[in-house]
Amino acid sequence: MRTLSLIVLALLLAAAGAWWIVGGQGDTSDASVTARAAEVAAQADTLSARAIPNDDLPPAGTRSLFDHLVAQNDGLPYPFEDLVAMIQRQAPEGSAPVQFAIPLGRSLLKAQADFHQPRVLYAADFHGPNTPASLGVAARGRLFLGFVENAREIEVISYNELAGRYEFQLVQDYAADGQRRIVYARRAVCTTCHQGATPIFPQRPWNETNAQPEIGTRIAAARGGEAYLGVPPQVPLAMPERFDELTDVGAFTVALQRLWIDGCDNDAMCRRTMLRLGLRYASDPGAFNVDADEVGRLRALQAAHWPADGIAIPESDIRNRDPLAAGRGWRARLRVLFEAAPDPTAGARDNEDLETFDRLPKLPADLDPLTPRPPKRRLAADTLDGVYGIAALFTADDLRALDAASGYDAARLDAAVAALPDAMFDAAPVSRVRLLQALFAQIGVPVPDYCCLAASAMSAPVALTAPPLELSANSPLQPYAEYCFGCHRGNPAARLDFMSGEDEAAVAANIRGKPEIRDALDWARYENTAQASKLMPPPDSAEYARLRAAVERDPALLERMREQVPGLFDF
């Protein structure tokens, strides 16, 4: 009897130990990205929700900052270091990129990253300079990239200036031999983690990043001390700290739209007053009097329209997680008795592979980005955050230009705000560009253009759900797919998007309608001449190197490609 009791006690202790070792780290999440996406797809029926829809594609006439930058560059640079360099060229001289690595993270593509090829994150932290002819790029806190090379996919979050929202995009098949494609992701899926439709990031001390010495040491060991995609194995803690601050900027940018729209309802005077006070605060924060009569009038106007439950600031912070904690100490050695070894191929291969992601082991609920988070805070009607948010819309160059245009006369700028048409204060997204252009016009000085190509000159945005082009066996367009589609199919600049089309016949027709292609592929005639610049692909591209190698194996390849385009005397 005593022996049986000891056996039962041992089994109970083993079971308790197993729970403690495996499951005793907190309640395990049961969240499914598929189920959560169905929940968040239903949007609240508020004035701001109607003004800023939650559709996957951007509203007509608007595009993401990422699309604008790619269009200005004439295409999507490759490799990733060149993409970052292209963005950084918009920054004032000396502005360093904010970038670092996460080998063991919580993203949808987490299973495809490791110490040898970690996920690389980048955030823009600059405002491009204005010129008399154009407004600079306001990129600070408005552009974020996450690249997982094994998945051949870049996740992009960037602000849509005219739509007042962040866009969620993917660069698919981003590889030297890939047919790189920019698509708009499914917002309902993205916002399961990016709750509030904002960028998110963990709280300090950011143990998942290579700012932590142990993570950096393991990356260095896996890579022989070499940098990866321009990121050294170890970065200073200031890198993730600044990234965290920039995601907070993003969360407040989203909240500003609700303050502007829902906080004033359909009252144009409320918004006009918010703008006037915002410009005053931006011009001289130290002299701003929160007890001034006009501040009191704004508070009274807000009180008349404020939502009953306040206005929420989205929570862009998720809890810090130490991905190496589970491997330390005697409990970790015991845990191997209860857990199967991880399978590095078992995770989601890309952002469409949701079922595979849902089968991965779950995180503790308090560490799982899928777990619903309460707002960071709720703002009441007496807040002046709308004023401060309006001030933050404008760059230092913007404010200097407004001061100069108004003759450094605050009363003249106030008068310009008062004279703006009521339509500028409709219940619609507030836009830095729209406001600046309207104010310059009202003051009576030349109105600068936006920094970038107008949406009307851009190709149609592509949804993730749009099927990729399927070519028939032995299609004569196959070489175009390998060497040309990366730049000329899905290019945000319409003038360069001449290989798009829903099916093979449409693409072939578009290629036949572009006779310049014959000259661009006439290497024999133009190489080493003054006309060499017209040859394609560009000599510094990955496509050129691959096509050059293919031509050495098959000298007739270029001529077969040229045959798809009518010549001058073809009848």
Protein backbone atom coordinates (compact mmCIF):
# COMPACT_ATOMS: atom_id res chain seq x y z
CA MET A 1 0.00 0.00 0.00
CA ARG A 2 2.80 2.36 0.90
CA THR A 3 4.53 1.59 -2.42
CA LEU A 4 1.34 2.39 -4.33
CA SER A 5 1.01 5.71 -2.48
CA LEU A 6 4.57 6.64 -3.36
CA ILE A 7 3.93 5.83 -7.04
CA VAL A 8 0.76 7.96 -7.07
CA LEU A 9 2.61 10.82 -5.35
CA ALA A 10 5.46 10.58 -7.86
CA LEU A 11 3.02 10.71 -10.77
CA LEU A 12 1.26 13.72 -9.29
CA LEU A 13 4.57 15.49 -8.75
CA ALA A 14 5.62 14.66 -12.31
CA ALA A 15 2.36 16.02 -13.67
CA ALA A 16 2.68 19.16 -11.57
CA GLY A 17 6.29 19.55 -12.66
CA ALA A 18 5.32 19.12 -16.29
CA TRP A 19 2.67 21.81 -15.91
CA TRP A 20 5.16 24.10 -14.22
CA ILE A 21 7.90 23.43 -16.74
CA VAL A 22 5.75 23.61 -19.85
CA GLY A 23 2.59 25.50 -19.08
CA GLY A 24 3.29 27.31 -15.86
CA GLN A 25 4.65 30.38 -17.58
CA GLY A 26 1.21 31.97 -17.82
CA ASP A 27 -2.06 31.20 -19.54
CA THR A 28 -1.35 30.04 -23.06
CA SER A 29 -3.02 32.00 -25.82
CA ASP A 30 -5.72 30.22 -27.77
CA ALA A 31 -5.83 33.02 -30.35
CA SER A 32 -6.17 32.17 -34.02
CA VAL A 33 -5.19 34.80 -36.57
CA THR A 34 -7.93 33.49 -38.85
CA ALA A 35 -10.63 33.80 -36.17
CA ARG A 36 -9.36 37.16 -34.95
CA ALA A 37 -9.37 38.52 -38.52
CA ALA A 38 -13.07 37.70 -38.77
CA GLU A 39 -13.70 39.59 -35.53
CA VAL A 40 -11.81 42.77 -36.45
CA ALA A 41 -13.27 42.95 -39.95
CA ALA A 42 -16.43 44.45 -38.45
CA GLN A 43 -15.73 48.14 -37.93
CA ALA A 44 -17.45 50.51 -35.52
CA ASP A 45 -19.96 52.84 -37.17
CA THR A 46 -18.41 56.17 -36.21
CA LEU A 47 -17.96 59.34 -38.23
CA SER A 48 -14.23 58.70 -38.53
CA ALA A 49 -14.78 55.07 -39.58
CA ARG A 50 -16.99 56.26 -42.41
CA ALA A 51 -14.48 58.94 -43.42
CA ILE A 52 -11.52 56.54 -43.21
CA PRO A 53 -12.70 53.16 -44.51
CA ASN A 54 -11.04 49.89 -43.58
CA ASP A 55 -10.87 48.49 -47.11
CA ASP A 56 -7.73 46.64 -48.19
CA LEU A 57 -7.01 49.02 -51.06
CA PRO A 58 -6.44 52.74 -50.44
CA PRO A 59 -9.31 55.15 -51.20
CA ALA A 60 -9.43 56.39 -54.80
CA GLY A 61 -6.94 59.15 -55.52
CA THR A 62 -4.68 58.27 -52.58
CA ARG A 63 -1.61 56.08 -52.13
CA SER A 64 0.80 55.02 -49.43
CA LEU A 65 4.05 56.85 -48.78
CA PHE A 66 5.89 53.69 -49.81
CA ASP A 67 4.17 53.70 -53.20
CA HIS A 68 5.04 57.37 -53.69
CA LEU A 69 8.71 56.78 -52.89
CA VAL A 70 8.97 53.75 -55.18
CA ALA A 71 7.25 55.64 -58.00
CA GLN A 72 9.62 58.60 -57.56
CA ASN A 73 12.53 56.17 -57.81
CA ASP A 74 11.08 54.64 -61.03
CA GLY A 75 10.89 51.21 -59.43
CA LEU A 76 11.56 48.99 -56.45
CA PRO A 77 15.29 48.73 -55.64
CA TYR A 78 16.92 45.38 -54.94
CA PRO A 79 18.62 44.18 -52.74
CA PHE A 80 17.22 45.34 -49.41
CA GLU A 81 20.22 47.56 -48.65
CA ASP A 82 19.52 49.45 -51.89
CA LEU A 83 15.88 49.91 -50.91
CA VAL A 84 16.91 51.41 -47.55
CA ALA A 85 19.49 53.60 -49.31
CA MET A 86 16.84 54.88 -51.74
CA ILE A 87 14.60 55.91 -48.85
CA GLN A 88 17.49 57.48 -46.94
CA ARG A 89 18.40 59.63 -49.95
CA GLN A 90 15.27 61.63 -49.16
CA ALA A 91 16.71 62.48 -45.73
CA PRO A 92 18.90 65.45 -44.86
CA GLU A 93 22.60 64.66 -45.10
CA GLY A 94 23.93 62.64 -42.21
CA SER A 95 20.62 61.08 -41.15
CA ALA A 96 21.33 57.45 -40.22
CA PRO A 97 18.67 54.76 -40.71
CA VAL A 98 16.96 53.20 -37.71
CA GLN A 99 17.41 49.46 -38.25
CA PHE A 100 18.18 46.31 -36.30
CA ALA A 101 17.46 42.57 -36.31
CA ILE A 102 15.08 40.16 -34.56
CA PRO A 103 15.94 36.46 -35.00
CA LEU A 104 13.22 35.02 -32.72
CA GLY A 105 10.22 37.31 -32.91
CA ARG A 106 6.43 37.22 -32.96
CA SER A 107 5.57 38.24 -36.51
CA LEU A 108 3.55 36.13 -38.90
CA LEU A 109 6.83 35.07 -40.53
CA LYS A 110 8.63 34.31 -37.27
CA ALA A 111 9.38 30.69 -38.18
CA GLN A 112 11.32 31.78 -41.27
CA ALA A 113 13.82 33.90 -39.30
CA ASP A 114 16.82 32.68 -37.31
CA PHE A 115 20.20 33.84 -36.03
CA HIS A 116 21.84 33.44 -39.43
CA GLN A 117 19.05 35.23 -41.32
CA PRO A 118 17.10 37.27 -38.77
CA ARG A 119 14.15 39.52 -39.52
CA VAL A 120 15.47 43.03 -40.29
CA LEU A 121 13.42 46.07 -39.28
CA TYR A 122 13.76 49.61 -40.60
CA ALA A 123 11.96 52.84 -39.68
CA ALA A 124 12.21 56.21 -41.42
CA ASP A 125 13.24 58.95 -39.00
CA PHE A 126 13.51 62.11 -41.06
CA HIS A 127 11.64 64.92 -42.74
CA GLY A 128 12.88 65.72 -46.23
CA PRO A 129 13.64 69.40 -46.88
CA ASN A 130 11.09 71.63 -48.59
CA THR A 131 11.98 73.59 -51.71
CA PRO A 132 10.17 76.60 -53.18
CA ALA A 133 8.57 74.23 -55.68
CA SER A 134 7.67 71.24 -53.52
CA LEU A 135 7.00 70.01 -50.00
CA GLY A 136 9.50 67.53 -48.58
CA VAL A 137 8.69 63.97 -47.58
CA ALA A 138 7.37 63.86 -43.99
CA ALA A 139 8.52 60.31 -43.29
CA ARG A 140 9.29 60.34 -39.55
CA GLY A 141 7.14 57.68 -37.88
CA ARG A 142 5.33 57.09 -41.17
CA LEU A 143 7.28 54.30 -42.85
CA PHE A 144 8.27 50.91 -41.41
CA LEU A 145 9.74 47.84 -43.12
CA GLY A 146 10.19 44.29 -41.86
CA PHE A 147 12.11 41.91 -44.14
CA VAL A 148 12.42 38.14 -43.74
CA GLU A 149 14.75 36.93 -46.46
CA ASN A 150 13.84 33.25 -46.11
CA ALA A 151 10.21 34.16 -46.80
CA ARG A 152 11.21 36.44 -49.71
CA GLU A 153 8.77 38.99 -48.34
CA ILE A 154 8.91 42.56 -47.00
CA GLU A 155 6.10 43.72 -44.73
CA VAL A 156 5.49 47.45 -45.21
CA ILE A 157 3.52 49.85 -43.03
CA SER A 158 3.41 53.40 -44.37
CA TYR A 159 1.17 56.39 -43.98
CA ASN A 160 -1.35 57.48 -46.59
CA GLU A 161 -1.26 61.28 -46.39
CA LEU A 162 -4.57 61.97 -48.10
CA ALA A 163 -6.52 59.06 -46.61
CA GLY A 164 -5.41 59.66 -43.01
CA ARG A 165 -4.47 56.03 -42.34
CA TYR A 166 -1.57 53.61 -42.40
CA GLU A 167 -1.50 51.19 -45.32
CA PHE A 168 -0.40 47.58 -44.91
CA GLN A 169 1.53 46.24 -47.89
CA LEU A 170 3.70 43.29 -48.87
CA VAL A 171 6.56 43.07 -51.30
CA GLN A 172 6.28 39.47 -52.43
CA ASP A 173 8.93 37.26 -54.03
CA TYR A 174 11.61 39.80 -53.08
CA ALA A 175 14.69 37.89 -54.23
CA ALA A 176 17.32 38.11 -56.94
CA ASP A 177 15.45 35.51 -59.00
CA GLY A 178 11.98 36.66 -57.93
CA GLN A 179 9.18 38.41 -59.78
CA ARG A 180 8.93 41.14 -57.17
CA ARG A 181 5.37 42.34 -56.63
CA ILE A 182 3.95 45.10 -54.39
CA VAL A 183 0.47 44.31 -53.07
CA TYR A 184 -1.87 45.70 -50.44
CA ALA A 185 -2.35 43.16 -47.64
CA ARG A 186 -5.59 42.12 -46.00
CA ARG A 187 -6.15 44.77 -43.33
CA ALA A 188 -8.35 42.50 -41.24
CA VAL A 189 -5.43 40.08 -40.91
CA CYS A 190 -2.82 42.77 -40.23
CA THR A 191 -4.91 44.51 -37.58
CA THR A 192 -5.30 41.34 -35.51
CA CYS A 193 -1.88 42.30 -34.12
CA HIS A 194 -1.65 45.91 -35.29
CA GLN A 195 -4.70 46.81 -33.27
CA GLY A 196 -5.80 50.37 -33.98
CA ALA A 197 -4.26 50.00 -37.48
CA THR A 198 -0.94 51.38 -36.26
CA PRO A 199 2.68 50.20 -36.11
CA ILE A 200 3.45 48.22 -32.92
CA PHE A 201 6.60 47.32 -30.98
CA PRO A 202 7.56 45.75 -27.62
CA GLN A 203 8.35 47.71 -24.49
CA ARG A 204 11.88 48.07 -23.18
CA PRO A 205 14.36 46.44 -22.78
CA TRP A 206 13.55 44.87 -26.19
CA ASN A 207 15.02 41.43 -25.47
CA GLU A 208 14.03 40.11 -28.89
CA THR A 209 16.37 42.52 -30.70
CA ASN A 210 20.09 42.43 -31.39
CA ALA A 211 20.51 45.39 -29.06
CA GLN A 212 20.61 42.74 -26.34
CA PRO A 213 24.17 41.37 -26.00
CA GLU A 214 23.20 37.67 -25.96
CA ILE A 215 21.11 38.01 -29.13
CA GLY A 216 23.89 39.98 -30.80
CA THR A 217 26.49 37.39 -29.77
CA ARG A 218 24.44 34.55 -31.25
CA ILE A 219 23.92 36.42 -34.53
CA ALA A 220 27.66 37.14 -34.68
CA ALA A 221 28.43 33.46 -34.09
CA ALA A 222 25.96 32.33 -36.74
CA ARG A 223 27.29 34.84 -39.28
CA GLY A 224 30.98 34.76 -38.46
CA GLY A 225 30.78 38.34 -37.22
CA GLU A 226 29.51 39.69 -40.55
CA ALA A 227 26.76 42.26 -40.91
CA TYR A 228 23.47 41.12 -42.39
CA LEU A 229 21.62 43.27 -44.95
CA GLY A 230 23.50 46.30 -43.69
CA VAL A 231 22.79 45.59 -40.01
CA PRO A 232 25.72 44.69 -37.71
CA PRO A 233 25.33 41.70 -35.36
CA GLN A 234 25.06 44.06 -32.38
CA VAL A 235 23.37 47.48 -32.40
CA PRO A 236 23.11 50.07 -29.61
CA LEU A 237 20.00 50.03 -27.43
CA ALA A 238 19.16 53.44 -28.92
CA MET A 239 18.05 51.71 -32.14
CA PRO A 240 15.04 49.80 -30.76
CA GLU A 241 14.36 52.65 -28.37
CA ARG A 242 13.97 55.08 -31.27
CA PHE A 243 11.91 52.55 -33.23
CA ASP A 244 9.60 52.27 -30.22
CA GLU A 245 9.23 56.06 -30.10
CA LEU A 246 8.40 56.15 -33.80
CA THR A 247 5.64 53.56 -33.39
CA ASP A 248 4.18 55.79 -30.67
CA VAL A 249 4.23 58.65 -33.17
CA GLY A 250 2.29 56.40 -35.52
CA ALA A 251 -0.32 55.56 -32.90
CA PHE A 252 -0.91 59.21 -32.14
CA THR A 253 -1.09 60.08 -35.85
CA VAL A 254 -4.01 57.65 -36.10
CA ALA A 255 -5.61 59.07 -32.95
CA LEU A 256 -5.34 62.60 -34.37
CA GLN A 257 -7.74 61.68 -37.15
CA ARG A 258 -10.37 60.69 -34.57
CA LEU A 259 -9.71 63.87 -32.59
CA TRP A 260 -10.19 65.93 -35.74
CA ILE A 261 -13.25 64.07 -37.06
CA ASP A 262 -15.12 62.57 -34.09
CA GLY A 263 -14.04 65.24 -31.61
CA CYS A 264 -15.70 67.95 -33.69
CA ASP A 265 -18.45 65.94 -35.41
CA ASN A 266 -19.81 68.13 -38.24
CA ASP A 267 -18.72 71.46 -36.72
CA ALA A 268 -16.36 73.31 -39.08
CA MET A 269 -15.69 76.04 -36.50
CA CYS A 270 -14.42 73.43 -34.05
CA ARG A 271 -11.84 72.20 -36.55
CA ARG A 272 -10.95 75.71 -37.68
CA THR A 273 -10.22 76.66 -34.07
CA MET A 274 -8.17 73.49 -33.58
CA LEU A 275 -6.06 74.34 -36.63
CA ARG A 276 -5.52 77.95 -35.56
CA LEU A 277 -4.42 76.91 -32.08
CA GLY A 278 -2.27 74.11 -33.49
CA LEU A 279 -0.36 76.57 -35.66
CA ARG A 280 0.11 78.93 -32.70
CA TYR A 281 1.44 76.12 -30.53
CA ALA A 282 3.78 74.92 -33.30
CA SER A 283 5.13 78.44 -33.82
CA ASP A 284 5.94 79.08 -30.14
CA PRO A 285 5.14 76.24 -27.69
CA GLY A 286 6.55 78.19 -24.72
CA ALA A 287 4.15 81.09 -25.22
CA PHE A 288 1.08 78.94 -25.70
CA ASN A 289 -1.49 79.72 -22.99
CA VAL A 290 -3.71 76.74 -22.16
CA ASP A 291 -6.06 79.09 -20.28
CA ALA A 292 -6.58 81.54 -23.14
CA ASP A 293 -10.15 82.40 -24.14
CA GLU A 294 -9.87 80.69 -27.52
CA VAL A 295 -8.59 77.51 -25.88
CA GLY A 296 -11.69 77.62 -23.68
CA ARG A 297 -13.88 78.02 -26.78
CA LEU A 298 -12.29 74.94 -28.36
CA ARG A 299 -12.93 72.92 -25.22
CA ALA A 300 -16.57 74.03 -25.24
CA LEU A 301 -16.96 73.10 -28.91
CA GLN A 302 -15.39 69.70 -28.28
CA ALA A 303 -17.66 69.11 -25.28
CA ALA A 304 -20.68 69.60 -27.51
CA HIS A 305 -19.60 66.84 -29.90
CA TRP A 306 -17.29 64.48 -28.03
CA PRO A 307 -18.08 60.72 -28.17
CA ALA A 308 -19.60 59.48 -24.93
CA ASP A 309 -16.88 56.87 -24.41
CA GLY A 310 -14.04 59.28 -25.19
CA ILE A 311 -11.46 58.96 -27.94
CA ALA A 312 -9.05 56.06 -27.66
CA ILE A 313 -5.30 56.26 -28.24
CA PRO A 314 -4.40 52.82 -29.68
CA GLU A 315 -1.98 50.74 -27.64
CA SER A 316 1.06 50.37 -29.87
CA ASP A 317 3.18 48.71 -27.17
CA ILE A 318 3.22 44.97 -26.60
CA ARG A 319 4.92 43.34 -23.63
CA ASN A 320 8.64 42.70 -23.76
CA ARG A 321 9.55 39.05 -24.35
CA ASP A 322 12.86 37.31 -23.77
CA PRO A 323 12.98 34.55 -26.40
CA LEU A 324 16.05 32.97 -24.78
CA ALA A 325 14.58 32.70 -21.26
CA ALA A 326 13.05 29.30 -21.97
CA GLY A 327 16.51 27.87 -22.71
CA ARG A 328 18.15 28.85 -19.43
CA GLY A 329 18.53 26.86 -16.22
CA TRP A 330 17.56 23.38 -15.04
CA ARG A 331 13.91 23.85 -15.98
CA ALA A 332 14.95 24.24 -19.60
CA ARG A 333 16.85 20.95 -19.46
CA LEU A 334 13.77 19.24 -18.05
CA ARG A 335 11.49 20.88 -20.59
CA VAL A 336 13.08 18.93 -23.44
CA LEU A 337 11.51 15.82 -21.94
CA PHE A 338 8.04 17.21 -22.62
CA GLU A 339 8.49 19.17 -25.85
CA ALA A 340 9.28 18.07 -29.36
CA ALA A 341 12.15 19.81 -31.09
CA PRO A 342 10.98 22.81 -33.13
CA ASP A 343 10.64 22.32 -36.87
CA PRO A 344 12.07 25.36 -38.68
CA THR A 345 10.00 24.54 -41.77
CA ALA A 346 6.69 24.33 -39.90
CA GLY A 347 5.90 28.05 -39.79
CA ALA A 348 4.02 30.28 -42.19
CA ARG A 349 5.96 30.65 -45.45
CA ASP A 350 4.39 34.04 -46.23
CA ASN A 351 1.55 36.30 -45.12
CA GLU A 352 -1.04 34.19 -46.92
CA ASP A 353 -0.13 31.01 -45.05
CA LEU A 354 -2.43 31.65 -42.07
CA GLU A 355 -3.44 28.06 -41.35
CA THR A 356 0.19 27.02 -40.91
CA PHE A 357 0.81 29.97 -38.60
CA ASP A 358 -2.19 29.00 -36.47
CA ARG A 359 -0.71 25.51 -35.97
CA LEU A 360 2.47 26.87 -34.38
CA PRO A 361 2.87 26.53 -30.59
CA LYS A 362 1.04 29.35 -28.80
CA LEU A 363 2.66 32.07 -26.76
CA PRO A 364 1.45 33.03 -23.29
CA ALA A 365 -1.63 35.21 -23.75
CA ASP A 366 0.01 38.31 -22.27
CA LEU A 367 2.87 38.04 -24.78
CA ASP A 368 0.75 37.22 -27.82
CA PRO A 369 0.16 40.24 -30.10
CA LEU A 370 -3.15 38.63 -31.12
CA THR A 371 -4.54 39.09 -27.61
CA PRO A 372 -6.89 42.15 -27.64
CA ARG A 373 -5.29 45.13 -25.90
CA PRO A 374 -7.13 47.98 -24.19
CA PRO A 375 -6.36 51.51 -25.44
CA LYS A 376 -3.26 53.24 -24.14
CA ARG A 377 -5.69 55.85 -22.75
CA ARG A 378 -9.01 57.52 -23.50
CA LEU A 379 -9.14 61.25 -24.06
CA ALA A 380 -11.95 63.37 -22.62
CA ALA A 381 -13.45 66.49 -24.22
CA ASP A 382 -11.21 68.89 -22.28
CA THR A 383 -8.06 67.53 -23.92
CA LEU A 384 -5.83 69.68 -26.11
CA ASP A 385 -4.21 66.68 -27.79
CA GLY A 386 -5.89 67.65 -31.07
CA VAL A 387 -4.03 70.98 -30.94
CA TYR A 388 -0.72 69.26 -30.23
CA GLY A 389 -1.41 66.67 -32.94
CA ILE A 390 -2.08 69.36 -35.53
CA ALA A 391 1.19 71.04 -34.58
CA ALA A 392 3.03 67.73 -35.01
CA LEU A 393 1.69 67.37 -38.56
CA PHE A 394 4.00 70.09 -39.80
CA THR A 395 7.74 69.84 -40.28
CA ALA A 396 10.20 72.53 -39.22
CA ASP A 397 10.55 73.52 -42.88
CA ASP A 398 6.75 73.83 -43.16
CA LEU A 399 6.60 76.23 -40.24
CA ARG A 400 9.49 78.32 -41.52
CA ALA A 401 7.77 78.56 -44.92
CA LEU A 402 4.47 79.61 -43.33
CA ASP A 403 6.23 82.25 -41.23
CA ALA A 404 8.01 83.64 -44.28
CA ALA A 405 4.85 83.59 -46.41
CA SER A 406 2.89 85.49 -43.77
CA GLY A 407 5.65 88.04 -43.24
CA TYR A 408 6.27 86.69 -39.73
CA ASP A 409 2.91 88.14 -38.76
CA ALA A 410 0.89 85.71 -36.62
CA ALA A 411 -2.26 87.79 -37.15
CA ARG A 412 -1.93 87.37 -40.91
CA LEU A 413 -1.66 83.60 -40.55
CA ASP A 414 -4.70 83.61 -38.22
CA ALA A 415 -6.60 85.56 -40.87
CA ALA A 416 -5.65 83.00 -43.52
CA VAL A 417 -7.06 80.22 -41.35
CA ALA A 418 -10.25 82.24 -40.80
CA ALA A 419 -10.65 82.75 -44.57
CA LEU A 420 -10.23 79.12 -45.59
CA PRO A 421 -13.43 77.71 -47.14
CA ASP A 422 -15.63 75.60 -44.88
CA ALA A 423 -15.03 72.61 -47.17
CA MET A 424 -11.49 72.43 -45.74
CA PHE A 425 -13.09 71.58 -42.40
CA ASP A 426 -15.47 68.83 -43.45
CA ALA A 427 -15.55 65.59 -41.45
CA ALA A 428 -12.70 64.16 -43.52
CA PRO A 429 -9.08 63.21 -42.82
CA VAL A 430 -6.82 66.10 -41.91
CA SER A 431 -3.82 66.33 -44.22
CA ARG A 432 -0.58 68.26 -43.85
CA VAL A 433 -0.30 68.71 -47.62
CA ARG A 434 -3.88 69.90 -48.13
CA LEU A 435 -3.66 72.37 -45.26
CA LEU A 436 -0.32 73.81 -46.36
CA GLN A 437 -1.38 74.24 -49.97
CA ALA A 438 -4.66 75.90 -48.93
CA LEU A 439 -2.88 78.25 -46.53
CA PHE A 440 -0.26 79.29 -49.09
CA ALA A 441 -3.02 79.96 -51.63
CA GLN A 442 -4.98 82.02 -49.10
CA ILE A 443 -1.94 84.08 -48.16
CA GLY A 444 -1.28 84.69 -51.84
CA VAL A 445 2.13 83.10 -52.40
CA PRO A 446 3.12 80.36 -54.88
CA VAL A 447 1.67 77.00 -53.87
CA PRO A 448 4.24 74.17 -53.75
CA ASP A 449 3.46 70.72 -55.12
CA TYR A 450 3.60 67.58 -53.04
CA CYS A 451 7.01 65.93 -52.94
CA CYS A 452 5.96 63.02 -55.06
CA LEU A 453 4.13 61.77 -58.10
CA ALA A 454 0.40 62.43 -58.00
CA ALA A 455 -1.82 59.40 -57.51
CA SER A 456 -3.41 60.12 -60.89
CA ALA A 457 -0.03 59.34 -62.53
CA MET A 458 0.32 56.03 -60.70
CA SER A 459 -0.76 52.56 -61.73
CA ALA A 460 -3.76 50.94 -60.07
CA PRO A 461 -3.02 49.47 -56.62
CA VAL A 462 -2.95 45.68 -56.44
CA ALA A 463 -4.67 43.67 -53.71
CA LEU A 464 -3.08 40.62 -52.13
CA THR A 465 -6.12 38.64 -53.24
CA ALA A 466 -5.47 39.45 -56.92
CA PRO A 467 -4.14 36.21 -58.46
CA PRO A 468 -0.59 36.31 -59.82
CA LEU A 469 -0.12 35.94 -63.56
CA GLU A 470 0.05 32.36 -64.78
CA LEU A 471 1.94 31.82 -68.03
CA SER A 472 1.29 28.85 -70.29
CA ALA A 473 3.95 26.18 -70.79
CA ASN A 474 6.78 27.41 -73.01
CA SER A 475 5.24 30.90 -73.13
CA PRO A 476 7.35 33.38 -75.12
CA LEU A 477 6.72 35.80 -72.23
CA GLN A 478 8.66 33.63 -69.77
CA PRO A 479 11.93 35.59 -70.24
CA TYR A 480 10.01 38.81 -69.63
CA ALA A 481 8.67 37.31 -66.39
CA GLU A 482 12.20 36.42 -65.29
CA TYR A 483 14.03 39.59 -66.26
CA CYS A 484 11.48 42.43 -66.66
CA PHE A 485 8.36 41.94 -64.54
CA GLY A 486 10.14 42.95 -61.34
CA CYS A 487 10.27 46.56 -62.60
CA HIS A 488 7.51 46.78 -65.19
CA ARG A 489 4.65 44.76 -63.76
CA GLY A 490 2.99 46.35 -60.75
CA ASN A 491 5.29 49.39 -60.79
CA PRO A 492 3.49 52.20 -58.91
CA ALA A 493 4.56 54.66 -61.64
CA ALA A 494 1.99 54.22 -64.44
CA ARG A 495 4.46 55.14 -67.19
CA LEU A 496 6.66 52.18 -66.21
CA ASP A 497 3.86 49.71 -65.55
CA PHE A 498 3.60 48.54 -69.18
CA MET A 499 3.79 44.79 -68.52
CA SER A 500 0.69 44.57 -66.36
CA GLY A 501 -2.49 42.81 -67.38
CA GLU A 502 -4.94 40.29 -65.95
CA ASP A 503 -3.84 37.40 -68.16
CA GLU A 504 -1.13 36.37 -70.58
CA ALA A 505 -2.94 37.78 -73.62
CA ALA A 506 -3.36 41.20 -72.00
CA VAL A 507 0.31 41.31 -70.97
CA ALA A 508 1.42 40.27 -74.46
CA ALA A 509 -0.73 43.03 -75.97
CA ASN A 510 0.81 45.62 -73.65
CA ILE A 511 4.32 44.47 -74.55
CA ARG A 512 3.51 44.62 -78.26
CA GLY A 513 2.27 48.17 -77.72
CA LYS A 514 5.65 49.33 -76.41
CA PRO A 515 8.02 49.40 -79.41
CA GLU A 516 10.80 50.95 -77.30
CA ILE A 517 11.36 47.46 -75.88
CA ARG A 518 13.04 46.40 -79.14
CA ASP A 519 15.75 49.02 -78.70
CA ALA A 520 16.07 48.37 -74.97
CA LEU A 521 16.95 44.74 -75.74
CA ASP A 522 19.23 45.49 -78.70
CA TRP A 523 22.43 44.92 -76.81
CA ALA A 524 24.42 44.09 -79.95
CA ARG A 525 23.75 47.56 -81.41
CA TYR A 526 23.99 49.83 -78.39
CA GLU A 527 26.45 48.28 -75.94
CA ASN A 528 29.59 50.40 -75.48
CA THR A 529 28.04 53.32 -77.38
CA ALA A 530 26.60 56.67 -76.30
CA GLN A 531 23.14 55.03 -76.45
CA ALA A 532 23.99 52.31 -73.91
CA SER A 533 21.88 53.98 -71.23
CA LYS A 534 18.69 52.95 -73.06
CA LEU A 535 19.50 49.24 -72.65
CA MET A 536 17.50 47.18 -70.19
CA PRO A 537 17.63 45.73 -67.61
CA PRO A 538 19.86 48.35 -65.92
CA PRO A 539 23.48 47.15 -65.68
CA ASP A 540 23.48 47.42 -61.86
CA SER A 541 20.40 45.22 -61.42
CA ALA A 542 20.20 41.57 -60.43
CA GLU A 543 18.07 40.97 -63.53
CA TYR A 544 20.86 42.19 -65.81
CA ALA A 545 23.37 39.78 -64.31
CA ARG A 546 20.98 36.86 -64.72
CA LEU A 547 19.99 37.84 -68.27
CA ARG A 548 23.67 38.27 -69.23
CA ALA A 549 24.40 34.74 -68.00
CA ALA A 550 21.35 33.39 -69.85
CA VAL A 551 22.43 35.07 -73.10
CA GLU A 552 25.86 33.47 -72.85
CA ARG A 553 24.14 30.08 -72.66
CA ASP A 554 21.58 30.95 -75.36
CA PRO A 555 22.77 33.74 -77.72
CA ALA A 556 19.40 33.87 -79.51
CA LEU A 557 17.45 34.69 -76.34
CA LEU A 558 17.40 38.48 -76.79
CA GLU A 559 16.24 38.19 -80.37
CA ARG A 560 13.36 35.91 -79.36
CA MET A 561 12.33 38.46 -76.75
CA ARG A 562 12.52 41.25 -79.34
CA GLU A 563 10.31 39.26 -81.70
CA GLN A 564 7.40 39.79 -79.31
CA VAL A 565 7.46 43.52 -80.15
CA PRO A 566 6.62 44.73 -83.67
CA GLY A 567 9.43 46.51 -85.43
CA LEU A 568 9.13 49.76 -87.36
CA PHE A 569 8.56 47.96 -90.68
CA ASP A 570 6.50 44.99 -89.45
CA PHE A 571 3.27 44.67 -91.47
